[in-house]
Full PDB file with SEQRES, HELIX, SHEET, SSBOND, CRYST1, ORIGX, SCALE, CONECT and MASTER records, all heavy atoms in Angstrom:
SEQRES   1 A   37  GLU SER GLY GLY GLY SER VAL GLN ALA GLY GLY SER LEU          
SEQRES   2 A   37  ARG LEU SER CYS THR ALA SER GLY ASN ILE ALA SER ILE          
SEQRES   3 A   37  ASN THR MET ALA TRP TYR ARG GLN ALA PRO GLY                  
CRYST1    1.000    1.000    1.000  90.00  90.00  90.00 P 1           1          
ORIGX1      1.000000  0.000000  0.000000        0.00000                         
ORIGX2      0.000000  1.000000  0.000000        0.00000                         
ORIGX3      0.000000  0.000000  1.000000        0.00000                         
SCALE1      1.000000  0.000000  0.000000        0.00000                         
SCALE2      0.000000  1.000000  0.000000        0.00000                         
SCALE3      0.000000  0.000000  1.000000        0.00000                         
ATOM      1  N   GLU A   1    -163.745 -44.222 -43.863  1.00  0.00           N  
ATOM      2  CA  GLU A   1    -163.756 -44.276 -45.310  1.00  0.00           C  
ATOM      3  C   GLU A   1    -163.130 -45.564 -45.807  1.00  0.00           C  
ATOM      4  O   GLU A   1    -162.262 -46.147 -45.145  1.00  0.00           O  
ATOM      5  CB  GLU A   1    -162.986 -43.088 -45.891  1.00  0.00           C  
ATOM      6  CG  GLU A   1    -163.558 -41.742 -45.491  1.00  0.00           C  
ATOM      7  CD  GLU A   1    -162.588 -40.621 -45.736  1.00  0.00           C  
ATOM      8  OE1 GLU A   1    -161.386 -40.791 -45.442  1.00  0.00           O  
ATOM      9  OE2 GLU A   1    -163.036 -39.555 -46.224  1.00  0.00           O  
ATOM     10  N   SER A   2    -163.550 -45.977 -46.991  1.00  0.00           N  
ATOM     11  CA  SER A   2    -162.956 -47.131 -47.641  1.00  0.00           C  
ATOM     12  C   SER A   2    -163.153 -47.001 -49.141  1.00  0.00           C  
ATOM     13  O   SER A   2    -163.946 -46.187 -49.611  1.00  0.00           O  
ATOM     14  CB  SER A   2    -163.565 -48.441 -47.133  1.00  0.00           C  
ATOM     15  OG  SER A   2    -164.944 -48.511 -47.436  1.00  0.00           O  
ATOM     16  N   GLY A   3    -162.440 -47.817 -49.894  1.00  0.00           N  
ATOM     17  CA  GLY A   3    -162.615 -47.879 -51.331  1.00  0.00           C  
ATOM     18  C   GLY A   3    -161.521 -47.243 -52.149  1.00  0.00           C  
ATOM     19  O   GLY A   3    -161.524 -47.372 -53.380  1.00  0.00           O  
ATOM     20  N   GLY A   4    -160.594 -46.558 -51.504  1.00  0.00           N  
ATOM     21  CA  GLY A   4    -159.494 -45.965 -52.239  1.00  0.00           C  
ATOM     22  C   GLY A   4    -158.547 -47.019 -52.765  1.00  0.00           C  
ATOM     23  O   GLY A   4    -158.576 -48.182 -52.359  1.00  0.00           O  
ATOM     24  N   GLY A   5    -157.703 -46.611 -53.676  1.00  0.00           N  
ATOM     25  CA  GLY A   5    -156.739 -47.521 -54.259  1.00  0.00           C  
ATOM     26  C   GLY A   5    -156.153 -46.956 -55.524  1.00  0.00           C  
ATOM     27  O   GLY A   5    -156.239 -45.761 -55.795  1.00  0.00           O  
ATOM     28  N   SER A   6    -155.564 -47.838 -56.302  1.00  0.00           N  
ATOM     29  CA  SER A   6    -154.910 -47.464 -57.549  1.00  0.00           C  
ATOM     30  C   SER A   6    -155.694 -48.019 -58.726  1.00  0.00           C  
ATOM     31  O   SER A   6    -156.144 -49.173 -58.701  1.00  0.00           O  
ATOM     32  CB  SER A   6    -153.478 -47.995 -57.568  1.00  0.00           C  
ATOM     33  OG  SER A   6    -152.817 -47.626 -58.761  1.00  0.00           O  
ATOM     34  N   VAL A   7    -155.854 -47.202 -59.753  1.00  0.00           N  
ATOM     35  CA  VAL A   7    -156.618 -47.602 -60.924  1.00  0.00           C  
ATOM     36  C   VAL A   7    -156.023 -46.942 -62.161  1.00  0.00           C  
ATOM     37  O   VAL A   7    -155.406 -45.875 -62.074  1.00  0.00           O  
ATOM     38  CB  VAL A   7    -158.108 -47.220 -60.757  1.00  0.00           C  
ATOM     39  CG1 VAL A   7    -158.277 -45.706 -60.728  1.00  0.00           C  
ATOM     40  CG2 VAL A   7    -158.964 -47.849 -61.838  1.00  0.00           C  
ATOM     41  N   GLN A   8    -156.197 -47.583 -63.298  1.00  0.00           N  
ATOM     42  CA  GLN A   8    -155.759 -47.011 -64.562  1.00  0.00           C  
ATOM     43  C   GLN A   8    -156.710 -45.915 -65.020  1.00  0.00           C  
ATOM     44  O   GLN A   8    -157.906 -45.932 -64.702  1.00  0.00           O  
ATOM     45  CB  GLN A   8    -155.687 -48.091 -65.641  1.00  0.00           C  
ATOM     46  CG  GLN A   8    -154.582 -49.113 -65.454  1.00  0.00           C  
ATOM     47  CD  GLN A   8    -153.289 -48.669 -66.091  1.00  0.00           C  
ATOM     48  OE1 GLN A   8    -152.755 -47.605 -65.782  1.00  0.00           O  
ATOM     49  NE2 GLN A   8    -152.765 -49.482 -66.984  1.00  0.00           N  
ATOM     50  N   ALA A   9    -156.185 -44.961 -65.762  1.00  0.00           N  
ATOM     51  CA  ALA A   9    -157.030 -43.925 -66.337  1.00  0.00           C  
ATOM     52  C   ALA A   9    -158.158 -44.551 -67.142  1.00  0.00           C  
ATOM     53  O   ALA A   9    -157.953 -45.513 -67.885  1.00  0.00           O  
ATOM     54  CB  ALA A   9    -156.206 -42.992 -67.217  1.00  0.00           C  
ATOM     55  N   GLY A  10    -159.344 -43.992 -66.985  1.00  0.00           N  
ATOM     56  CA  GLY A  10    -160.527 -44.538 -67.622  1.00  0.00           C  
ATOM     57  C   GLY A  10    -161.277 -45.530 -66.770  1.00  0.00           C  
ATOM     58  O   GLY A  10    -162.422 -45.888 -67.102  1.00  0.00           O  
ATOM     59  N   GLY A  11    -160.683 -45.961 -65.685  1.00  0.00           N  
ATOM     60  CA  GLY A  11    -161.313 -46.920 -64.801  1.00  0.00           C  
ATOM     61  C   GLY A  11    -162.228 -46.269 -63.792  1.00  0.00           C  
ATOM     62  O   GLY A  11    -162.474 -45.059 -63.832  1.00  0.00           O  
ATOM     63  N   SER A  12    -162.719 -47.090 -62.865  1.00  0.00           N  
ATOM     64  CA  SER A  12    -163.695 -46.638 -61.884  1.00  0.00           C  
ATOM     65  C   SER A  12    -163.318 -47.089 -60.484  1.00  0.00           C  
ATOM     66  O   SER A  12    -162.665 -48.118 -60.297  1.00  0.00           O  
ATOM     67  CB  SER A  12    -165.088 -47.187 -62.216  1.00  0.00           C  
ATOM     68  OG  SER A  12    -165.546 -46.733 -63.472  1.00  0.00           O  
ATOM     69  N   LEU A  13    -163.744 -46.314 -59.508  1.00  0.00           N  
ATOM     70  CA  LEU A  13    -163.649 -46.663 -58.103  1.00  0.00           C  
ATOM     71  C   LEU A  13    -164.899 -46.173 -57.403  1.00  0.00           C  
ATOM     72  O   LEU A  13    -165.521 -45.200 -57.839  1.00  0.00           O  
ATOM     73  CB  LEU A  13    -162.427 -46.032 -57.436  1.00  0.00           C  
ATOM     74  CG  LEU A  13    -161.049 -46.620 -57.716  1.00  0.00           C  
ATOM     75  CD1 LEU A  13    -159.981 -45.734 -57.078  1.00  0.00           C  
ATOM     76  CD2 LEU A  13    -160.943 -48.037 -57.180  1.00  0.00           C  
ATOM     77  N   ARG A  14    -165.240 -46.839 -56.315  1.00  0.00           N  
ATOM     78  CA  ARG A  14    -166.351 -46.410 -55.492  1.00  0.00           C  
ATOM     79  C   ARG A  14    -165.876 -46.235 -54.058  1.00  0.00           C  
ATOM     80  O   ARG A  14    -165.445 -47.197 -53.422  1.00  0.00           O  
ATOM     81  CB  ARG A  14    -167.498 -47.415 -55.530  1.00  0.00           C  
ATOM     82  CG  ARG A  14    -168.793 -46.886 -54.904  1.00  0.00           C  
ATOM     83  CD  ARG A  14    -169.816 -47.986 -54.757  1.00  0.00           C  
ATOM     84  NE  ARG A  14    -171.153 -47.459 -54.507  1.00  0.00           N  
ATOM     85  CZ  ARG A  14    -172.147 -48.160 -53.967  1.00  0.00           C  
ATOM     86  NH1 ARG A  14    -171.956 -49.430 -53.628  1.00  0.00           N  
ATOM     87  NH2 ARG A  14    -173.328 -47.594 -53.783  1.00  0.00           N  
ATOM     88  N   LEU A  15    -165.954 -45.021 -53.563  1.00  0.00           N  
ATOM     89  CA  LEU A  15    -165.601 -44.720 -52.196  1.00  0.00           C  
ATOM     90  C   LEU A  15    -166.838 -44.784 -51.315  1.00  0.00           C  
ATOM     91  O   LEU A  15    -167.944 -44.460 -51.756  1.00  0.00           O  
ATOM     92  CB  LEU A  15    -164.984 -43.328 -52.074  1.00  0.00           C  
ATOM     93  CG  LEU A  15    -163.802 -43.004 -52.986  1.00  0.00           C  
ATOM     94  CD1 LEU A  15    -163.290 -41.598 -52.686  1.00  0.00           C  
ATOM     95  CD2 LEU A  15    -162.695 -44.035 -52.825  1.00  0.00           C  
ATOM     96  N   SER A  16    -166.651 -45.185 -50.082  1.00  0.00           N  
ATOM     97  CA  SER A  16    -167.736 -45.176 -49.123  1.00  0.00           C  
ATOM     98  C   SER A  16    -167.260 -44.577 -47.814  1.00  0.00           C  
ATOM     99  O   SER A  16    -166.078 -44.612 -47.492  1.00  0.00           O  
ATOM    100  CB  SER A  16    -168.305 -46.579 -48.893  1.00  0.00           C  
ATOM    101  OG  SER A  16    -167.334 -47.434 -48.315  1.00  0.00           O  
ATOM    102  N   CYS A  17    -168.192 -44.030 -47.074  1.00  0.00           N  
ATOM    103  CA  CYS A  17    -167.895 -43.410 -45.789  1.00  0.00           C  
ATOM    104  C   CYS A  17    -169.089 -43.624 -44.879  1.00  0.00           C  
ATOM    105  O   CYS A  17    -170.207 -43.231 -45.227  1.00  0.00           O  
ATOM    106  CB  CYS A  17    -167.614 -41.923 -45.972  1.00  0.00           C  
ATOM    107  SG  CYS A  17    -167.485 -40.979 -44.434  1.00  0.00           S  
ATOM    108  N   THR A  18    -168.846 -44.222 -43.733  1.00  0.00           N  
ATOM    109  CA  THR A  18    -169.899 -44.510 -42.781  1.00  0.00           C  
ATOM    110  C   THR A  18    -169.678 -43.735 -41.492  1.00  0.00           C  
ATOM    111  O   THR A  18    -168.582 -43.763 -40.927  1.00  0.00           O  
ATOM    112  CB  THR A  18    -169.963 -46.015 -42.476  1.00  0.00           C  
ATOM    113  OG1 THR A  18    -170.258 -46.733 -43.674  1.00  0.00           O  
ATOM    114  CG2 THR A  18    -171.058 -46.307 -41.458  1.00  0.00           C  
ATOM    115  N   ALA A  19    -170.708 -43.056 -41.047  1.00  0.00           N  
ATOM    116  CA  ALA A  19    -170.660 -42.301 -39.804  1.00  0.00           C  
ATOM    117  C   ALA A  19    -171.236 -43.130 -38.666  1.00  0.00           C  
ATOM    118  O   ALA A  19    -172.244 -43.822 -38.835  1.00  0.00           O  
ATOM    119  CB  ALA A  19    -171.436 -40.998 -39.941  1.00  0.00           C  
ATOM    120  N   SER A  20    -170.599 -43.047 -37.513  1.00  0.00           N  
ATOM    121  CA  SER A  20    -171.089 -43.747 -36.339  1.00  0.00           C  
ATOM    122  C   SER A  20    -170.866 -42.889 -35.106  1.00  0.00           C  
ATOM    123  O   SER A  20    -170.079 -41.950 -35.125  1.00  0.00           O  
ATOM    124  CB  SER A  20    -170.402 -45.110 -36.178  1.00  0.00           C  
ATOM    125  OG  SER A  20    -169.004 -44.952 -35.995  1.00  0.00           O  
ATOM    126  N   GLY A  21    -171.542 -43.245 -34.034  1.00  0.00           N  
ATOM    127  CA  GLY A  21    -171.416 -42.512 -32.795  1.00  0.00           C  
ATOM    128  C   GLY A  21    -172.754 -41.963 -32.342  1.00  0.00           C  
ATOM    129  O   GLY A  21    -173.808 -42.484 -32.692  1.00  0.00           O  
ATOM    130  N   ASN A  22    -172.688 -40.903 -31.560  1.00  0.00           N  
ATOM    131  CA  ASN A  22    -173.880 -40.301 -30.980  1.00  0.00           C  
ATOM    132  C   ASN A  22    -174.530 -39.358 -31.987  1.00  0.00           C  
ATOM    133  O   ASN A  22    -174.476 -38.135 -31.849  1.00  0.00           O  
ATOM    134  CB  ASN A  22    -173.521 -39.559 -29.692  1.00  0.00           C  
ATOM    135  CG  ASN A  22    -174.740 -39.029 -28.974  1.00  0.00           C  
ATOM    136  OD1 ASN A  22    -175.839 -39.562 -29.118  1.00  0.00           O  
ATOM    137  ND2 ASN A  22    -174.550 -37.979 -28.193  1.00  0.00           N  
ATOM    138  N   ILE A  23    -175.153 -39.940 -33.002  1.00  0.00           N  
ATOM    139  CA  ILE A  23    -175.705 -39.180 -34.118  1.00  0.00           C  
ATOM    140  C   ILE A  23    -177.207 -39.016 -33.936  1.00  0.00           C  
ATOM    141  O   ILE A  23    -177.940 -40.001 -33.903  1.00  0.00           O  
ATOM    142  CB  ILE A  23    -175.407 -39.862 -35.459  1.00  0.00           C  
ATOM    143  CG1 ILE A  23    -173.900 -39.963 -35.677  1.00  0.00           C  
ATOM    144  CG2 ILE A  23    -176.071 -39.097 -36.601  1.00  0.00           C  
ATOM    145  CD1 ILE A  23    -173.514 -40.805 -36.873  1.00  0.00           C  
ATOM    146  N   ALA A  24    -177.630 -37.779 -33.841  1.00  0.00           N  
ATOM    147  CA  ALA A  24    -179.056 -37.477 -33.824  1.00  0.00           C  
ATOM    148  C   ALA A  24    -179.600 -37.299 -35.236  1.00  0.00           C  
ATOM    149  O   ALA A  24    -180.713 -37.735 -35.538  1.00  0.00           O  
ATOM    150  CB  ALA A  24    -179.335 -36.233 -32.997  1.00  0.00           C  
ATOM    151  N   SER A  25    -178.823 -36.661 -36.098  1.00  0.00           N  
ATOM    152  CA  SER A  25    -179.218 -36.461 -37.483  1.00  0.00           C  
ATOM    153  C   SER A  25    -178.001 -36.082 -38.300  1.00  0.00           C  
ATOM    154  O   SER A  25    -176.989 -35.628 -37.768  1.00  0.00           O  
ATOM    155  CB  SER A  25    -180.304 -35.384 -37.610  1.00  0.00           C  
ATOM    156  OG  SER A  25    -179.817 -34.129 -37.183  1.00  0.00           O  
ATOM    157  N   ILE A  26    -178.108 -36.265 -39.608  1.00  0.00           N  
ATOM    158  CA  ILE A  26    -177.072 -35.870 -40.551  1.00  0.00           C  
ATOM    159  C   ILE A  26    -177.716 -35.014 -41.625  1.00  0.00           C  
ATOM    160  O   ILE A  26    -178.705 -35.420 -42.238  1.00  0.00           O  
ATOM    161  CB  ILE A  26    -176.377 -37.085 -41.190  1.00  0.00           C  
ATOM    162  CG1 ILE A  26    -175.740 -37.969 -40.121  1.00  0.00           C  
ATOM    163  CG2 ILE A  26    -175.328 -36.623 -42.196  1.00  0.00           C  
ATOM    164  CD1 ILE A  26    -175.096 -39.224 -40.668  1.00  0.00           C  
ATOM    165  N   ASN A  27    -177.144 -33.853 -41.853  1.00  0.00           N  
ATOM    166  CA  ASN A  27    -177.646 -32.994 -42.913  1.00  0.00           C  
ATOM    167  C   ASN A  27    -176.860 -33.283 -44.194  1.00  0.00           C  
ATOM    168  O   ASN A  27    -177.136 -34.250 -44.887  1.00  0.00           O  
ATOM    169  CB  ASN A  27    -177.557 -31.525 -42.513  1.00  0.00           C  
ATOM    170  CG  ASN A  27    -178.237 -30.620 -43.520  1.00  0.00           C  
ATOM    171  OD1 ASN A  27    -179.055 -31.072 -44.327  1.00  0.00           O  
ATOM    172  ND2 ASN A  27    -177.914 -29.336 -43.484  1.00  0.00           N  
ATOM    173  N   THR A  28    -175.876 -32.468 -44.491  1.00  0.00           N  
ATOM    174  CA  THR A  28    -175.097 -32.639 -45.707  1.00  0.00           C  
ATOM    175  C   THR A  28    -173.964 -33.633 -45.494  1.00  0.00           C  
ATOM    176  O   THR A  28    -173.279 -33.596 -44.479  1.00  0.00           O  
ATOM    177  CB  THR A  28    -174.527 -31.296 -46.176  1.00  0.00           C  
ATOM    178  OG1 THR A  28    -175.600 -30.386 -46.433  1.00  0.00           O  
ATOM    179  CG2 THR A  28    -173.705 -31.463 -47.447  1.00  0.00           C  
ATOM    180  N   MET A  29    -173.775 -34.516 -46.461  1.00  0.00           N  
ATOM    181  CA  MET A  29    -172.587 -35.342 -46.539  1.00  0.00           C  
ATOM    182  C   MET A  29    -171.866 -34.975 -47.827  1.00  0.00           C  
ATOM    183  O   MET A  29    -172.506 -34.675 -48.839  1.00  0.00           O  
ATOM    184  CB  MET A  29    -172.925 -36.830 -46.501  1.00  0.00           C  
ATOM    185  CG  MET A  29    -173.664 -37.245 -45.238  1.00  0.00           C  
ATOM    186  SD  MET A  29    -173.794 -39.046 -45.003  1.00  0.00           S  
ATOM    187  CE  MET A  29    -172.140 -39.411 -44.364  1.00  0.00           C  
ATOM    188  N   ALA A  30    -170.544 -34.986 -47.768  1.00  0.00           N  
ATOM    189  CA  ALA A  30    -169.780 -34.462 -48.880  1.00  0.00           C  
ATOM    190  C   ALA A  30    -168.434 -35.150 -48.989  1.00  0.00           C  
ATOM    191  O   ALA A  30    -167.972 -35.820 -48.058  1.00  0.00           O  
ATOM    192  CB  ALA A  30    -169.578 -32.949 -48.726  1.00  0.00           C  
ATOM    193  N   TRP A  31    -167.813 -34.971 -50.143  1.00  0.00           N  
ATOM    194  CA  TRP A  31    -166.466 -35.444 -50.397  1.00  0.00           C  
ATOM    195  C   TRP A  31    -165.589 -34.266 -50.795  1.00  0.00           C  
ATOM    196  O   TRP A  31    -165.996 -33.424 -51.607  1.00  0.00           O  
ATOM    197  CB  TRP A  31    -166.429 -36.499 -51.505  1.00  0.00           C  
ATOM    198  CG  TRP A  31    -167.049 -37.798 -51.112  1.00  0.00           C  
ATOM    199  CD1 TRP A  31    -168.325 -38.198 -51.333  1.00  0.00           C  
ATOM    200  CD2 TRP A  31    -166.395 -38.870 -50.438  1.00  0.00           C  
ATOM    201  NE1 TRP A  31    -168.523 -39.460 -50.837  1.00  0.00           N  
ATOM    202  CE2 TRP A  31    -167.349 -39.898 -50.274  1.00  0.00           C  
ATOM    203  CE3 TRP A  31    -165.106 -39.069 -49.952  1.00  0.00           C  
ATOM    204  CZ2 TRP A  31    -167.049 -41.106 -49.648  1.00  0.00           C  
ATOM    205  CZ3 TRP A  31    -164.803 -40.270 -49.320  1.00  0.00           C  
ATOM    206  CH2 TRP A  31    -165.768 -41.271 -49.177  1.00  0.00           C  
ATOM    207  N   TYR A  32    -164.401 -34.232 -50.216  1.00  0.00           N  
ATOM    208  CA  TYR A  32    -163.367 -33.290 -50.573  1.00  0.00           C  
ATOM    209  C   TYR A  32    -162.135 -34.061 -51.023  1.00  0.00           C  
ATOM    210  O   TYR A  32    -162.017 -35.264 -50.767  1.00  0.00           O  
ATOM    211  CB  TYR A  32    -162.996 -32.394 -49.388  1.00  0.00           C  
ATOM    212  CG  TYR A  32    -164.061 -31.406 -48.981  1.00  0.00           C  
ATOM    213  CD1 TYR A  32    -165.204 -31.809 -48.309  1.00  0.00           C  
ATOM    214  CD2 TYR A  32    -163.911 -30.044 -49.262  1.00  0.00           C  
ATOM    215  CE1 TYR A  32    -166.177 -30.904 -47.925  1.00  0.00           C  
ATOM    216  CE2 TYR A  32    -164.879 -29.129 -48.877  1.00  0.00           C  
ATOM    217  CZ  TYR A  32    -166.008 -29.565 -48.209  1.00  0.00           C  
ATOM    218  OH  TYR A  32    -166.965 -28.649 -47.829  1.00  0.00           O  
ATOM    219  N   ARG A  33    -161.226 -33.380 -51.671  1.00  0.00           N  
ATOM    220  CA  ARG A  33    -159.976 -34.018 -52.025  1.00  0.00           C  
ATOM    221  C   ARG A  33    -158.842 -33.013 -51.966  1.00  0.00           C  
ATOM    222  O   ARG A  33    -159.048 -31.811 -52.098  1.00  0.00           O  
ATOM    223  CB  ARG A  33    -160.033 -34.668 -53.413  1.00  0.00           C  
ATOM    224  CG  ARG A  33    -160.124 -33.689 -54.579  1.00  0.00           C  
ATOM    225  CD  ARG A  33    -160.313 -34.443 -55.885  1.00  0.00           C  
ATOM    226  NE  ARG A  33    -160.376 -33.552 -57.027  1.00  0.00           N  
ATOM    227  CZ  ARG A  33    -160.673 -33.931 -58.265  1.00  0.00           C  
ATOM    228  NH1 ARG A  33    -160.930 -35.209 -58.521  1.00  0.00           N  
ATOM    229  NH2 ARG A  33    -160.701 -33.042 -59.253  1.00  0.00           N  
ATOM    230  N   GLN A  34    -157.647 -33.538 -51.765  1.00  0.00           N  
ATOM    231  CA  GLN A  34    -156.456 -32.714 -51.733  1.00  0.00           C  
ATOM    232  C   GLN A  34    -155.348 -33.432 -52.483  1.00  0.00           C  
ATOM    233  O   GLN A  34    -154.906 -34.509 -52.074  1.00  0.00           O  
ATOM    234  CB  GLN A  34    -156.023 -32.413 -50.299  1.00  0.00           C  
ATOM    235  CG  GLN A  34    -154.884 -31.422 -50.212  1.00  0.00           C  
ATOM    236  CD  GLN A  34    -154.678 -30.895 -48.810  1.00  0.00           C  
ATOM    237  OE1 GLN A  34    -155.116 -31.499 -47.833  1.00  0.00           O  
ATOM    238  NE2 GLN A  34    -154.023 -29.753 -48.702  1.00  0.00           N  
ATOM    239  N   ALA A  35    -154.926 -32.844 -53.578  1.00  0.00           N  
ATOM    240  CA  ALA A  35    -153.828 -33.376 -54.365  1.00  0.00           C  
ATOM    241  C   ALA A  35    -152.514 -32.855 -53.806  1.00  0.00           C  
ATOM    242  O   ALA A  35    -152.479 -31.815 -53.133  1.00  0.00           O  
ATOM    243  CB  ALA A  35    -153.983 -32.982 -55.825  1.00  0.00           C  
ATOM    244  N   PRO A  36    -151.416 -33.548 -54.070  1.00  0.00           N  
ATOM    245  CA  PRO A  36    -150.120 -33.093 -53.566  1.00  0.00           C  
ATOM    246  C   PRO A  36    -149.810 -31.666 -53.993  1.00  0.00           C  
ATOM    247  O   PRO A  36    -149.917 -31.324 -55.173  1.00  0.00           O  
ATOM    248  CB  PRO A  36    -149.135 -34.081 -54.189  1.00  0.00           C  
ATOM    249  CG  PRO A  36    -149.941 -35.316 -54.431  1.00  0.00           C  
ATOM    250  CD  PRO A  36    -151.303 -34.821 -54.808  1.00  0.00           C  
ATOM    251  N   GLY A  37    -149.445 -30.829 -53.030  1.00  0.00           N  
ATOM    252  CA  GLY A  37    -149.079 -29.461 -53.311  1.00  0.00           C  
ATOM    253  C   GLY A  37    -150.234 -28.534 -53.608  1.00  0.00           C  
ATOM    254  O   GLY A  37    -150.001 -27.382 -53.979  1.00  0.00           O  
TER     255      GLY A  37                                                      
MASTER        0    0    0    0    0    0    0    6  254    1    0    3          
END                                                                             
């Protein structure tokens, strides 16, 4: 993953995630998040 960082409210960020390895196919790709606590 890449693209994380700090931004002001109202701003924008773009995250990216690249898969590599012995990949035959990819079905669903998704994003999760976990806030403190």
